[in-house]
Amino acid sequence: MTNEPKLIPKISYKGVFIFLIILFAGVYLIPILLNFLGLPKSVSYFLAAGISSSIALILILTKIDAKKGDEVYFKKRIIISIIVGFTTSALMTFVYGGDVID
């Protein structure tokens, strides 16, 4: 077993806690601003969850749980974070949460 850096590292409890705080705050605050701009509720919740989860994942994977020598994976981690953030946001909003939003 080597100590080579991994593309997706293990995430600590602190990282999970910070992820949840950022996600809950983003899903609570961002839709208010987007609804003020005239976007429908479902679209504003989709964008809010996608933006906040992507920001949280990027922060955790590149700052909080990153180790020395992981810098080579930062761009890939950012791309993966954005893809995962908006994919799960679409699932939560349009597939599983449609009856809750309306």
N, C-alpha and C. Protein backbone atom coordinates (compact mmCIF):
# COMPACT_ATOMS: atom_id res chain seq x y z
N MET A 1 0.84 -1.18 0.00
CA MET A 1 0.00 0.00 0.00
C MET A 1 0.89 1.24 0.00
N THR A 2 0.71 2.10 -0.98
CA THR A 2 1.54 3.29 -1.09
C THR A 2 0.77 4.52 -0.61
N ASN A 3 1.49 5.58 -0.40
CA ASN A 3 0.88 6.83 0.03
C ASN A 3 0.70 7.80 -1.14
N GLU A 4 0.41 7.28 -2.32
CA GLU A 4 0.18 8.13 -3.47
C GLU A 4 -1.16 8.84 -3.32
N PRO A 5 -1.25 10.09 -3.78
CA PRO A 5 -2.53 10.79 -3.70
C PRO A 5 -3.57 10.15 -4.61
N LYS A 6 -4.83 10.23 -4.20
CA LYS A 6 -5.93 9.66 -4.96
C LYS A 6 -6.76 10.79 -5.56
N LEU A 7 -7.45 10.47 -6.65
CA LEU A 7 -8.32 11.46 -7.28
C LEU A 7 -9.45 11.86 -6.34
N ILE A 8 -10.09 10.89 -5.71
CA ILE A 8 -11.14 11.15 -4.73
C ILE A 8 -10.64 10.66 -3.37
N PRO A 9 -10.26 11.58 -2.49
CA PRO A 9 -9.73 11.16 -1.19
C PRO A 9 -10.85 10.80 -0.22
N LYS A 10 -10.47 10.20 0.89
CA LYS A 10 -11.43 9.97 1.95
C LYS A 10 -11.82 11.31 2.54
N ILE A 11 -13.09 11.44 2.89
CA ILE A 11 -13.58 12.69 3.45
C ILE A 11 -13.80 12.52 4.94
N SER A 12 -13.32 13.47 5.71
CA SER A 12 -13.41 13.40 7.17
C SER A 12 -14.81 13.80 7.64
N TYR A 13 -15.05 13.56 8.93
CA TYR A 13 -16.32 13.98 9.54
C TYR A 13 -16.46 15.50 9.49
N LYS A 14 -15.36 16.19 9.67
CA LYS A 14 -15.37 17.65 9.58
C LYS A 14 -15.79 18.09 8.19
N GLY A 15 -15.29 17.41 7.15
CA GLY A 15 -15.67 17.73 5.79
C GLY A 15 -17.15 17.49 5.52
N VAL A 16 -17.68 16.40 6.06
CA VAL A 16 -19.11 16.10 5.89
C VAL A 16 -19.95 17.16 6.59
N PHE A 17 -19.55 17.54 7.79
CA PHE A 17 -20.29 18.56 8.54
C PHE A 17 -20.29 19.89 7.79
N ILE A 18 -19.15 20.31 7.28
CA ILE A 18 -19.06 21.56 6.53
C ILE A 18 -19.87 21.47 5.24
N PHE A 19 -19.85 20.31 4.58
CA PHE A 19 -20.65 20.11 3.37
C PHE A 19 -22.13 20.31 3.67
N LEU A 20 -22.61 19.70 4.74
CA LEU A 20 -24.03 19.83 5.09
C LEU A 20 -24.40 21.26 5.45
N ILE A 21 -23.55 21.94 6.18
CA ILE A 21 -23.82 23.34 6.54
C ILE A 21 -23.92 24.21 5.29
N ILE A 22 -22.96 24.07 4.36
CA ILE A 22 -22.98 24.86 3.14
C ILE A 22 -24.19 24.50 2.28
N LEU A 23 -24.52 23.22 2.19
CA LEU A 23 -25.66 22.79 1.38
C LEU A 23 -26.97 23.33 1.95
N PHE A 24 -27.18 23.19 3.25
CA PHE A 24 -28.42 23.68 3.86
C PHE A 24 -28.54 25.21 3.74
N ALA A 25 -27.44 25.91 3.98
CA ALA A 25 -27.47 27.37 3.87
C ALA A 25 -27.74 27.81 2.43
N GLY A 26 -27.11 27.12 1.47
CA GLY A 26 -27.32 27.47 0.07
C GLY A 26 -28.72 27.18 -0.41
N VAL A 27 -29.28 26.04 -0.01
CA VAL A 27 -30.63 25.69 -0.44
C VAL A 27 -31.66 26.58 0.25
N TYR A 28 -31.31 27.13 1.39
CA TYR A 28 -32.23 28.02 2.09
C TYR A 28 -32.15 29.45 1.54
N LEU A 29 -30.95 29.95 1.25
CA LEU A 29 -30.78 31.36 0.89
C LEU A 29 -30.82 31.65 -0.61
N ILE A 30 -30.21 30.82 -1.42
CA ILE A 30 -30.10 31.11 -2.85
C ILE A 30 -31.46 31.13 -3.55
N PRO A 31 -32.41 30.22 -3.25
CA PRO A 31 -33.71 30.30 -3.95
C PRO A 31 -34.47 31.60 -3.69
N ILE A 32 -34.25 32.22 -2.56
CA ILE A 32 -34.91 33.51 -2.28
C ILE A 32 -34.45 34.54 -3.31
N LEU A 33 -33.15 34.58 -3.56
CA LEU A 33 -32.62 35.52 -4.55
C LEU A 33 -33.08 35.18 -5.97
N LEU A 34 -33.09 33.89 -6.29
CA LEU A 34 -33.48 33.48 -7.64
C LEU A 34 -34.97 33.67 -7.88
N ASN A 35 -35.80 33.46 -6.86
CA ASN A 35 -37.24 33.72 -7.01
C ASN A 35 -37.49 35.21 -7.18
N PHE A 36 -36.69 36.03 -6.52
CA PHE A 36 -36.79 37.48 -6.67
C PHE A 36 -36.50 37.89 -8.11
N LEU A 37 -35.63 37.15 -8.79
CA LEU A 37 -35.31 37.43 -10.19
C LEU A 37 -36.36 36.90 -11.15
N GLY A 38 -37.34 36.15 -10.63
CA GLY A 38 -38.43 35.67 -11.46
C GLY A 38 -38.31 34.24 -11.95
N LEU A 39 -37.35 33.49 -11.46
CA LEU A 39 -37.22 32.10 -11.88
C LEU A 39 -38.25 31.24 -11.16
N PRO A 40 -38.73 30.18 -11.81
CA PRO A 40 -39.67 29.27 -11.14
C PRO A 40 -39.01 28.57 -9.95
N LYS A 41 -39.86 28.07 -9.03
CA LYS A 41 -39.34 27.44 -7.82
C LYS A 41 -38.44 26.25 -8.12
N SER A 42 -38.87 25.39 -9.05
CA SER A 42 -38.10 24.17 -9.32
C SER A 42 -36.71 24.51 -9.88
N VAL A 43 -36.65 25.49 -10.77
CA VAL A 43 -35.37 25.88 -11.35
C VAL A 43 -34.48 26.54 -10.29
N SER A 44 -35.07 27.36 -9.44
CA SER A 44 -34.26 28.03 -8.42
C SER A 44 -33.73 27.03 -7.40
N TYR A 45 -34.51 26.01 -7.05
CA TYR A 45 -34.01 24.98 -6.13
C TYR A 45 -32.94 24.12 -6.80
N PHE A 46 -33.12 23.84 -8.09
CA PHE A 46 -32.11 23.08 -8.83
C PHE A 46 -30.78 23.83 -8.85
N LEU A 47 -30.83 25.11 -9.20
CA LEU A 47 -29.60 25.90 -9.25
C LEU A 47 -28.99 26.09 -7.86
N ALA A 48 -29.82 26.29 -6.86
CA ALA A 48 -29.31 26.49 -5.50
C ALA A 48 -28.61 25.24 -4.99
N ALA A 49 -29.22 24.09 -5.17
CA ALA A 49 -28.60 22.85 -4.71
C ALA A 49 -27.34 22.54 -5.51
N GLY A 50 -27.37 22.78 -6.81
CA GLY A 50 -26.19 22.53 -7.64
C GLY A 50 -25.03 23.43 -7.29
N ILE A 51 -25.31 24.71 -7.14
CA ILE A 51 -24.25 25.67 -6.81
C ILE A 51 -23.67 25.40 -5.43
N SER A 52 -24.54 25.23 -4.44
CA SER A 52 -24.04 25.06 -3.07
C SER A 52 -23.32 23.73 -2.88
N SER A 53 -23.82 22.66 -3.49
CA SER A 53 -23.12 21.38 -3.34
C SER A 53 -21.80 21.37 -4.10
N SER A 54 -21.75 22.02 -5.25
CA SER A 54 -20.49 22.11 -5.99
C SER A 54 -19.45 22.92 -5.22
N ILE A 55 -19.87 24.04 -4.67
CA ILE A 55 -18.94 24.86 -3.89
C ILE A 55 -18.45 24.09 -2.67
N ALA A 56 -19.37 23.40 -2.00
CA ALA A 56 -18.98 22.64 -0.80
C ALA A 56 -18.01 21.52 -1.15
N LEU A 57 -18.29 20.78 -2.22
CA LEU A 57 -17.39 19.70 -2.62
C LEU A 57 -16.02 20.22 -3.03
N ILE A 58 -16.00 21.32 -3.77
CA ILE A 58 -14.72 21.90 -4.18
C ILE A 58 -13.92 22.33 -2.96
N LEU A 59 -14.57 22.98 -2.01
CA LEU A 59 -13.90 23.42 -0.79
C LEU A 59 -13.34 22.25 0.00
N ILE A 60 -14.12 21.21 0.13
CA ILE A 60 -13.69 20.05 0.92
C ILE A 60 -12.57 19.29 0.22
N LEU A 61 -12.73 19.04 -1.08
CA LEU A 61 -11.75 18.22 -1.79
C LEU A 61 -10.44 18.95 -2.05
N THR A 62 -10.45 20.28 -2.11
CA THR A 62 -9.22 21.00 -2.43
C THR A 62 -8.60 21.72 -1.24
N LYS A 63 -9.35 21.96 -0.19
CA LYS A 63 -8.80 22.71 0.95
C LYS A 63 -8.81 21.90 2.25
N ILE A 64 -9.96 21.37 2.64
CA ILE A 64 -10.10 20.77 3.97
C ILE A 64 -9.47 19.39 4.04
N ASP A 65 -9.82 18.49 3.13
CA ASP A 65 -9.33 17.12 3.20
C ASP A 65 -8.20 16.83 2.21
N ALA A 66 -7.67 17.84 1.56
CA ALA A 66 -6.56 17.63 0.63
C ALA A 66 -5.25 17.49 1.41
N LYS A 67 -4.39 16.67 0.88
CA LYS A 67 -3.08 16.47 1.50
C LYS A 67 -2.00 17.07 0.60
N LYS A 68 -0.83 17.19 1.15
CA LYS A 68 0.29 17.72 0.38
C LYS A 68 0.56 16.78 -0.80
N GLY A 69 0.75 17.33 -1.96
CA GLY A 69 0.99 16.53 -3.14
C GLY A 69 -0.26 16.27 -3.95
N ASP A 70 -1.42 16.71 -3.48
CA ASP A 70 -2.67 16.51 -4.20
C ASP A 70 -2.96 17.59 -5.23
N GLU A 71 -2.08 18.57 -5.35
CA GLU A 71 -2.34 19.71 -6.23
C GLU A 71 -2.55 19.30 -7.68
N VAL A 72 -1.96 18.18 -8.09
CA VAL A 72 -2.09 17.74 -9.48
C VAL A 72 -3.53 17.32 -9.80
N TYR A 73 -4.31 17.00 -8.78
CA TYR A 73 -5.68 16.54 -8.98
C TYR A 73 -6.73 17.64 -8.80
N PHE A 74 -6.33 18.86 -8.50
CA PHE A 74 -7.29 19.90 -8.17
C PHE A 74 -8.26 20.20 -9.31
N LYS A 75 -7.76 20.32 -10.54
CA LYS A 75 -8.64 20.62 -11.68
C LYS A 75 -9.64 19.48 -11.90
N LYS A 76 -9.17 18.25 -11.81
CA LYS A 76 -10.06 17.10 -11.99
C LYS A 76 -11.10 17.05 -10.87
N ARG A 77 -10.68 17.36 -9.66
CA ARG A 77 -11.62 17.35 -8.53
C ARG A 77 -12.67 18.44 -8.67
N ILE A 78 -12.29 19.59 -9.19
CA ILE A 78 -13.26 20.66 -9.40
C ILE A 78 -14.28 20.25 -10.45
N ILE A 79 -13.82 19.65 -11.55
CA ILE A 79 -14.74 19.20 -12.60
C ILE A 79 -15.67 18.12 -12.07
N ILE A 80 -15.13 17.16 -11.34
CA ILE A 80 -15.96 16.09 -10.76
C ILE A 80 -16.96 16.67 -9.77
N SER A 81 -16.55 17.65 -8.99
CA SER A 81 -17.45 18.27 -8.01
C SER A 81 -18.62 18.96 -8.69
N ILE A 82 -18.37 19.66 -9.77
CA ILE A 82 -19.44 20.35 -10.48
C ILE A 82 -20.39 19.34 -11.12
N ILE A 83 -19.85 18.29 -11.73
CA ILE A 83 -20.70 17.27 -12.36
C ILE A 83 -21.55 16.57 -11.31
N VAL A 84 -20.94 16.13 -10.22
CA VAL A 84 -21.69 15.43 -9.17
C VAL A 84 -22.70 16.37 -8.52
N GLY A 85 -22.32 17.61 -8.27
CA GLY A 85 -23.22 18.57 -7.63
C GLY A 85 -24.48 18.82 -8.44
N PHE A 86 -24.33 19.07 -9.73
CA PHE A 86 -25.51 19.37 -10.54
C PHE A 86 -26.30 18.11 -10.91
N THR A 87 -25.64 16.96 -11.01
CA THR A 87 -26.37 15.71 -11.27
C THR A 87 -27.25 15.34 -10.08
N THR A 88 -26.70 15.39 -8.89
CA THR A 88 -27.52 15.07 -7.71
C THR A 88 -28.58 16.14 -7.48
N SER A 89 -28.28 17.37 -7.82
CA SER A 89 -29.28 18.43 -7.71
C SER A 89 -30.45 18.17 -8.66
N ALA A 90 -30.16 17.74 -9.87
CA ALA A 90 -31.23 17.43 -10.82
C ALA A 90 -32.07 16.25 -10.33
N LEU A 91 -31.41 15.23 -9.78
CA LEU A 91 -32.16 14.09 -9.24
C LEU A 91 -33.04 14.51 -8.08
N MET A 92 -32.48 15.30 -7.15
CA MET A 92 -33.26 15.73 -5.99
C MET A 92 -34.43 16.62 -6.39
N THR A 93 -34.23 17.49 -7.35
CA THR A 93 -35.25 18.47 -7.69
C THR A 93 -36.30 17.92 -8.64
N PHE A 94 -35.88 17.34 -9.74
CA PHE A 94 -36.82 16.99 -10.79
C PHE A 94 -37.34 15.56 -10.71
N VAL A 95 -36.56 14.64 -10.17
CA VAL A 95 -37.00 13.24 -10.12
C VAL A 95 -37.70 12.94 -8.80
N TYR A 96 -37.05 13.28 -7.69
CA TYR A 96 -37.59 12.89 -6.38
C TYR A 96 -38.33 14.01 -5.66
N GLY A 97 -38.10 15.25 -6.01
CA GLY A 97 -38.66 16.34 -5.23
C GLY A 97 -39.75 17.14 -5.90
N GLY A 98 -40.26 16.67 -7.03
CA GLY A 98 -41.26 17.43 -7.75
C GLY A 98 -42.54 17.66 -6.98
N ASP A 99 -42.97 16.68 -6.21
CA ASP A 99 -44.21 16.84 -5.45
C ASP A 99 -44.02 17.72 -4.22
N VAL A 100 -42.81 17.85 -3.74
CA VAL A 100 -42.55 18.68 -2.56
C VAL A 100 -42.48 20.15 -2.94
N ILE A 101 -41.90 20.46 -4.10
CA ILE A 101 -41.70 21.84 -4.52
C ILE A 101 -43.01 22.51 -4.90
N ASP A 102 -43.85 21.82 -5.64
CA ASP A 102 -45.09 22.46 -6.14
C ASP A 102 -46.11 22.66 -5.10
